[in-house]
């Protein structure tokens, strides 16, 4: 996987590189419809390991990908980085872990600045990010429910309509296993 989890004391991103990356592609991103990828969401990494996701961010990113949302990780806006954002729809999600959001005043100011510039910011706790599907009831985790709701409210669920776009992760995995089964049957 391109994302690497690291302990909280080692959490580190190359913020200037991330900012330059998105600046390079910002025109493309802003010109694309909110429900289509302008650039590959993994392109920013390119083997440079610019972003190190925390475990709760990795879990929520998996929920967003499973819900097929168009969100860019660590998107810079208004002098801040938003954990996951769609700048066309002006929507972002912050994963709030214990160690990363201890300064409530700073977080409130950040939220206020982003909202004053037209952003809608959702927050999800680390506990909710780490929740799993309930096998007994089939209930999705809170992260997935939030991802689905954001997709509905803001129109950021990826559209496949007549696009010839790349397959989703789920579609790629299904196609892979279909090929494996076909080969095994030969």
C-alpha atoms as a PDB file:
ATOM      1  CA  UNK A   1       0.000   0.000   0.000  1.00  0.00           C
ATOM      2  CA  UNK A   2       1.269   3.483  -0.750  1.00  0.00           C
ATOM      3  CA  UNK A   3       0.206   4.814   2.639  1.00  0.00           C
ATOM      4  CA  UNK A   4       2.282   3.831   5.615  1.00  0.00           C
ATOM      5  CA  UNK A   5       1.087   3.864   9.188  1.00  0.00           C
ATOM      6  CA  UNK A   6       3.559   5.154  11.687  1.00  0.00           C
ATOM      7  CA  UNK A   7       3.440   5.706  15.391  1.00  0.00           C
ATOM      8  CA  UNK A   8       2.117   9.059  16.496  1.00  0.00           C
ATOM      9  CA  UNK A   9       5.569  10.243  17.555  1.00  0.00           C
ATOM     10  CA  UNK A  10       6.840   9.549  14.030  1.00  0.00           C
ATOM     11  CA  UNK A  11       3.864  11.048  12.163  1.00  0.00           C
ATOM     12  CA  UNK A  12       5.387  13.271   9.541  1.00  0.00           C
ATOM     13  CA  UNK A  13       4.378  14.602   6.163  1.00  0.00           C
ATOM     14  CA  UNK A  14       6.339  16.578   3.651  1.00  0.00           C
ATOM     15  CA  UNK A  15       3.930  19.512   3.772  1.00  0.00           C
ATOM     16  CA  UNK A  16       5.766  21.718   1.269  1.00  0.00           C
ATOM     17  CA  UNK A  17       5.951  18.882  -1.271  1.00  0.00           C
ATOM     18  CA  UNK A  18       2.267  18.123  -0.795  1.00  0.00           C
ATOM     19  CA  UNK A  19       1.396  21.795  -1.248  1.00  0.00           C
ATOM     20  CA  UNK A  20       3.500  21.964  -4.466  1.00  0.00           C
ATOM     21  CA  UNK A  21       1.933  18.761  -5.771  1.00  0.00           C
ATOM     22  CA  UNK A  22      -1.606  20.025  -5.387  1.00  0.00           C
ATOM     23  CA  UNK A  23      -0.640  23.466  -6.756  1.00  0.00           C
ATOM     24  CA  UNK A  24       0.683  21.731  -9.864  1.00  0.00           C
ATOM     25  CA  UNK A  25      -2.654  19.964 -10.438  1.00  0.00           C
ATOM     26  CA  UNK A  26      -5.070  22.473  -8.903  1.00  0.00           C
ATOM     27  CA  UNK A  27      -6.349  23.771 -12.250  1.00  0.00           C
ATOM     28  CA  UNK A  28      -7.221  20.207 -13.334  1.00  0.00           C
ATOM     29  CA  UNK A  29      -8.815  19.396  -9.979  1.00  0.00           C
ATOM     30  CA  UNK A  30     -10.950  22.544  -9.949  1.00  0.00           C
ATOM     31  CA  UNK A  31     -12.038  22.062 -13.587  1.00  0.00           C
ATOM     32  CA  UNK A  32     -13.256  18.498 -13.016  1.00  0.00           C
ATOM     33  CA  UNK A  33     -16.819  17.733 -11.952  1.00  0.00           C
ATOM     34  CA  UNK A  34     -17.118  17.024  -8.234  1.00  0.00           C
ATOM     35  CA  UNK A  35     -17.987  13.378  -8.974  1.00  0.00           C
ATOM     36  CA  UNK A  36     -14.984  12.572 -11.204  1.00  0.00           C
ATOM     37  CA  UNK A  37     -11.296  12.203 -10.441  1.00  0.00           C
ATOM     38  CA  UNK A  38      -9.202  14.978 -11.964  1.00  0.00           C
ATOM     39  CA  UNK A  39      -6.000  13.160 -11.041  1.00  0.00           C
ATOM     40  CA  UNK A  40      -5.236   9.767  -9.615  1.00  0.00           C
ATOM     41  CA  UNK A  41      -5.621  10.101  -5.812  1.00  0.00           C
ATOM     42  CA  UNK A  42      -2.428   8.101  -5.362  1.00  0.00           C
ATOM     43  CA  UNK A  43      -0.429  10.197  -7.848  1.00  0.00           C
ATOM     44  CA  UNK A  44       0.826  12.567  -5.174  1.00  0.00           C
ATOM     45  CA  UNK A  45       2.801   9.789  -3.570  1.00  0.00           C
ATOM     46  CA  UNK A  46       4.808   8.655  -6.630  1.00  0.00           C
ATOM     47  CA  UNK A  47       7.150   6.697  -4.387  1.00  0.00           C
ATOM     48  CA  UNK A  48       8.173   9.852  -2.491  1.00  0.00           C
ATOM     49  CA  UNK A  49       6.195   8.905   0.621  1.00  0.00           C
ATOM     50  CA  UNK A  50       4.973  12.466   1.097  1.00  0.00           C
ATOM     51  CA  UNK A  51       2.016  11.487   3.251  1.00  0.00           C
ATOM     52  CA  UNK A  52       2.048   9.156   6.206  1.00  0.00           C
ATOM     53  CA  UNK A  53      -1.479   8.394   7.302  1.00  0.00           C
ATOM     54  CA  UNK A  54      -2.301   7.655  10.894  1.00  0.00           C
ATOM     55  CA  UNK A  55      -4.163   4.389  11.515  1.00  0.00           C
ATOM     56  CA  UNK A  56      -7.487   6.227  11.923  1.00  0.00           C
ATOM     57  CA  UNK A  57      -6.903   8.125   8.661  1.00  0.00           C
ATOM     58  CA  UNK A  58      -6.094   4.852   6.873  1.00  0.00           C
ATOM     59  CA  UNK A  59      -9.309   3.306   8.202  1.00  0.00           C
ATOM     60  CA  UNK A  60     -11.434   6.275   7.151  1.00  0.00           C
ATOM     61  CA  UNK A  61      -9.672   6.445   3.747  1.00  0.00           C
ATOM     62  CA  UNK A  62     -10.660   2.790   3.241  1.00  0.00           C
ATOM     63  CA  UNK A  63     -14.282   3.702   4.044  1.00  0.00           C
ATOM     64  CA  UNK A  64     -14.137   6.622   1.574  1.00  0.00           C
ATOM     65  CA  UNK A  65     -12.663   4.431  -1.152  1.00  0.00           C
ATOM     66  CA  UNK A  66     -15.229   1.701  -0.455  1.00  0.00           C
ATOM     67  CA  UNK A  67     -17.980   4.337  -0.747  1.00  0.00           C
ATOM     68  CA  UNK A  68     -16.298   5.470  -4.010  1.00  0.00           C
ATOM     69  CA  UNK A  69     -15.937   9.096  -2.933  1.00  0.00           C
ATOM     70  CA  UNK A  70     -13.853  11.671  -4.774  1.00  0.00           C
ATOM     71  CA  UNK A  71     -11.656  13.017  -1.974  1.00  0.00           C
ATOM     72  CA  UNK A  72      -8.014  14.036  -2.012  1.00  0.00           C
ATOM     73  CA  UNK A  73      -5.891  13.247   1.063  1.00  0.00           C
ATOM     74  CA  UNK A  74      -4.211  16.104   2.946  1.00  0.00           C
ATOM     75  CA  UNK A  75      -5.605  18.776   0.656  1.00  0.00           C
ATOM     76  CA  UNK A  76      -4.276  22.295   1.366  1.00  0.00           C
ATOM     77  CA  UNK A  77      -6.905  25.024   1.845  1.00  0.00           C
ATOM     78  CA  UNK A  78      -6.847  28.431   3.528  1.00  0.00           C
ATOM     79  CA  UNK A  79      -3.409  27.825   5.034  1.00  0.00           C
ATOM     80  CA  UNK A  80      -4.373  24.441   6.513  1.00  0.00           C
ATOM     81  CA  UNK A  81      -4.346  20.821   5.388  1.00  0.00           C
ATOM     82  CA  UNK A  82      -7.684  18.998   5.412  1.00  0.00           C
ATOM     83  CA  UNK A  83      -7.385  15.252   6.044  1.00  0.00           C
ATOM     84  CA  UNK A  84      -9.669  14.422   3.085  1.00  0.00           C
ATOM     85  CA  UNK A  85     -11.247  17.031   0.839  1.00  0.00           C
ATOM     86  CA  UNK A  86     -13.059  17.664  -2.393  1.00  0.00           C
ATOM     87  CA  UNK A  87     -12.240  21.291  -3.247  1.00  0.00           C
ATOM     88  CA  UNK A  88     -14.800  21.465  -6.062  1.00  0.00           C
ATOM     89  CA  UNK A  89     -17.611  20.611  -3.628  1.00  0.00           C
ATOM     90  CA  UNK A  90     -15.840  22.545  -0.824  1.00  0.00           C
ATOM     91  CA  UNK A  91     -16.273  19.628   1.576  1.00  0.00           C
ATOM     92  CA  UNK A  92     -13.694  18.144   3.906  1.00  0.00           C
ATOM     93  CA  UNK A  93     -13.384  15.532   6.624  1.00  0.00           C
ATOM     94  CA  UNK A  94     -11.145  15.668   9.667  1.00  0.00           C
ATOM     95  CA  UNK A  95     -10.272  12.500  11.567  1.00  0.00           C
ATOM     96  CA  UNK A  96      -9.897  13.496  15.208  1.00  0.00           C
ATOM     97  CA  UNK A  97      -7.529  11.274  17.120  1.00  0.00           C
ATOM     98  CA  UNK A  98      -6.522  11.893  20.716  1.00  0.00           C
ATOM     99  CA  UNK A  99      -2.971  13.049  20.056  1.00  0.00           C
ATOM    100  CA  UNK A 100      -3.571  15.210  17.002  1.00  0.00           C
ATOM    101  CA  UNK A 101      -6.352  17.528  18.087  1.00  0.00           C
ATOM    102  CA  UNK A 102      -5.565  18.340  21.701  1.00  0.00           C
ATOM    103  CA  UNK A 103      -5.642  22.114  21.106  1.00  0.00           C
ATOM    104  CA  UNK A 104      -9.408  22.697  20.938  1.00  0.00           C
ATOM    105  CA  UNK A 105      -9.042  26.461  20.426  1.00  0.00           C
ATOM    106  CA  UNK A 106      -6.717  25.983  17.462  1.00  0.00           C
ATOM    107  CA  UNK A 107      -9.102  23.426  15.935  1.00  0.00           C
ATOM    108  CA  UNK A 108     -12.081  25.757  16.471  1.00  0.00           C
ATOM    109  CA  UNK A 109     -10.215  28.623  14.760  1.00  0.00           C
ATOM    110  CA  UNK A 110      -9.225  26.361  11.871  1.00  0.00           C
ATOM    111  CA  UNK A 111     -12.821  25.171  11.472  1.00  0.00           C
ATOM    112  CA  UNK A 112     -14.077  28.754  11.613  1.00  0.00           C
ATOM    113  CA  UNK A 113     -11.609  29.958   8.958  1.00  0.00           C
ATOM    114  CA  UNK A 114     -12.482  27.097   6.597  1.00  0.00           C
ATOM    115  CA  UNK A 115     -16.241  27.543   7.085  1.00  0.00           C
ATOM    116  CA  UNK A 116     -15.976  31.310   6.590  1.00  0.00           C
ATOM    117  CA  UNK A 117     -14.436  30.589   3.190  1.00  0.00           C
ATOM    118  CA  UNK A 118     -17.319  28.329   2.155  1.00  0.00           C
ATOM    119  CA  UNK A 119     -16.034  24.924   3.258  1.00  0.00           C
ATOM    120  CA  UNK A 120     -18.218  22.334   4.996  1.00  0.00           C
ATOM    121  CA  UNK A 121     -16.048  20.347   7.395  1.00  0.00           C
ATOM    122  CA  UNK A 122     -17.153  17.074   8.972  1.00  0.00           C
ATOM    123  CA  UNK A 123     -15.377  15.605  11.951  1.00  0.00           C
ATOM    124  CA  UNK A 124     -15.130  11.942  12.892  1.00  0.00           C
ATOM    125  CA  UNK A 125     -13.561  10.578  16.043  1.00  0.00           C
ATOM    126  CA  UNK A 126     -10.743   8.071  16.023  1.00  0.00           C
ATOM    127  CA  UNK A 127     -13.024   5.603  17.795  1.00  0.00           C
ATOM    128  CA  UNK A 128     -15.576   5.892  14.965  1.00  0.00           C
ATOM    129  CA  UNK A 129     -12.812   5.568  12.337  1.00  0.00           C
ATOM    130  CA  UNK A 130     -11.697   2.301  13.940  1.00  0.00           C
ATOM    131  CA  UNK A 131     -15.168   0.761  14.065  1.00  0.00           C
ATOM    132  CA  UNK A 132     -15.705  -2.374  11.954  1.00  0.00           C
ATOM    133  CA  UNK A 133     -18.720  -3.784  10.154  1.00  0.00           C
ATOM    134  CA  UNK A 134     -21.056  -5.627  12.525  1.00  0.00           C
ATOM    135  CA  UNK A 135     -21.126  -9.143  11.111  1.00  0.00           C
ATOM    136  CA  UNK A 136     -24.230 -10.125  13.086  1.00  0.00           C
ATOM    137  CA  UNK A 137     -26.437  -7.296  11.845  1.00  0.00           C
ATOM    138  CA  UNK A 138     -24.556  -6.249   8.687  1.00  0.00           C
ATOM    139  CA  UNK A 139     -24.397  -2.695  10.051  1.00  0.00           C
ATOM    140  CA  UNK A 140     -21.662  -0.638   8.416  1.00  0.00           C
ATOM    141  CA  UNK A 141     -19.141   1.211  10.582  1.00  0.00           C
ATOM    142  CA  UNK A 142     -19.753   4.882  11.415  1.00  0.00           C
ATOM    143  CA  UNK A 143     -16.943   5.919   9.059  1.00  0.00           C
ATOM    144  CA  UNK A 144     -18.675   4.248   6.142  1.00  0.00           C
ATOM    145  CA  UNK A 145     -22.045   5.725   7.123  1.00  0.00           C
ATOM    146  CA  UNK A 146     -20.471   9.205   7.230  1.00  0.00           C
ATOM    147  CA  UNK A 147     -18.783   8.613   3.857  1.00  0.00           C
ATOM    148  CA  UNK A 148     -22.106   7.541   2.313  1.00  0.00           C
ATOM    149  CA  UNK A 149     -23.887  10.587   3.771  1.00  0.00           C
ATOM    150  CA  UNK A 150     -21.209  12.981   2.464  1.00  0.00           C
ATOM    151  CA  UNK A 151     -21.477  11.354  -0.952  1.00  0.00           C
ATOM    152  CA  UNK A 152     -25.253  11.915  -0.988  1.00  0.00           C
ATOM    153  CA  UNK A 153     -25.251  15.432   0.448  1.00  0.00           C
ATOM    154  CA  UNK A 154     -22.393  16.833  -1.602  1.00  0.00           C
ATOM    155  CA  UNK A 155     -22.506  14.805  -4.820  1.00  0.00           C
ATOM    156  CA  UNK A 156     -18.937  13.520  -4.444  1.00  0.00           C
ATOM    157  CA  UNK A 157     -19.685   9.840  -5.065  1.00  0.00           C
ATOM    158  CA  UNK A 158     -17.804   8.931  -8.215  1.00  0.00           C
ATOM    159  CA  UNK A 159     -19.884   8.893 -11.362  1.00  0.00           C
ATOM    160  CA  UNK A 160     -19.159   6.089 -13.802  1.00  0.00           C
ATOM    161  CA  UNK A 161     -21.620   7.372 -16.369  1.00  0.00           C
ATOM    162  CA  UNK A 162     -20.123   7.209 -19.879  1.00  0.00           C
ATOM    163  CA  UNK A 163     -16.712   8.112 -18.567  1.00  0.00           C
ATOM    164  CA  UNK A 164     -14.523   5.153 -19.446  1.00  0.00           C
ATOM    165  CA  UNK A 165     -12.815   5.873 -16.114  1.00  0.00           C
ATOM    166  CA  UNK A 166     -10.639   3.464 -14.216  1.00  0.00           C
ATOM    167  CA  UNK A 167     -12.317   0.731 -12.237  1.00  0.00           C
ATOM    168  CA  UNK A 168     -12.937   1.221  -8.537  1.00  0.00           C
ATOM    169  CA  UNK A 169     -10.824  -0.788  -6.118  1.00  0.00           C
ATOM    170  CA  UNK A 170     -13.750  -3.143  -5.491  1.00  0.00           C
ATOM    171  CA  UNK A 171     -14.179  -3.667  -9.260  1.00  0.00           C
ATOM    172  CA  UNK A 172     -10.443  -4.275  -9.730  1.00  0.00           C
ATOM    173  CA  UNK A 173     -10.358  -6.859  -6.929  1.00  0.00           C
ATOM    174  CA  UNK A 174     -13.438  -8.620  -8.340  1.00  0.00           C
ATOM    175  CA  UNK A 175     -11.898  -8.658 -11.826  1.00  0.00           C
ATOM    176  CA  UNK A 176      -8.637 -10.032 -10.417  1.00  0.00           C
ATOM    177  CA  UNK A 177     -10.362 -12.916  -8.625  1.00  0.00           C
ATOM    178  CA  UNK A 178     -12.463 -13.650 -11.696  1.00  0.00           C
ATOM    179  CA  UNK A 179      -9.246 -14.003 -13.747  1.00  0.00           C
ATOM    180  CA  UNK A 180      -7.732 -16.251 -11.035  1.00  0.00           C
ATOM    181  CA  UNK A 181     -10.824 -18.467 -11.087  1.00  0.00           C
ATOM    182  CA  UNK A 182     -10.812 -18.596 -14.876  1.00  0.00           C
ATOM    183  CA  UNK A 183      -7.139 -19.617 -14.928  1.00  0.00           C
ATOM    184  CA  UNK A 184      -7.729 -22.269 -12.263  1.00  0.00           C
ATOM    185  CA  UNK A 185     -10.560 -23.709 -14.343  1.00  0.00           C
ATOM    186  CA  UNK A 186      -8.381 -24.109 -17.469  1.00  0.00           C
END
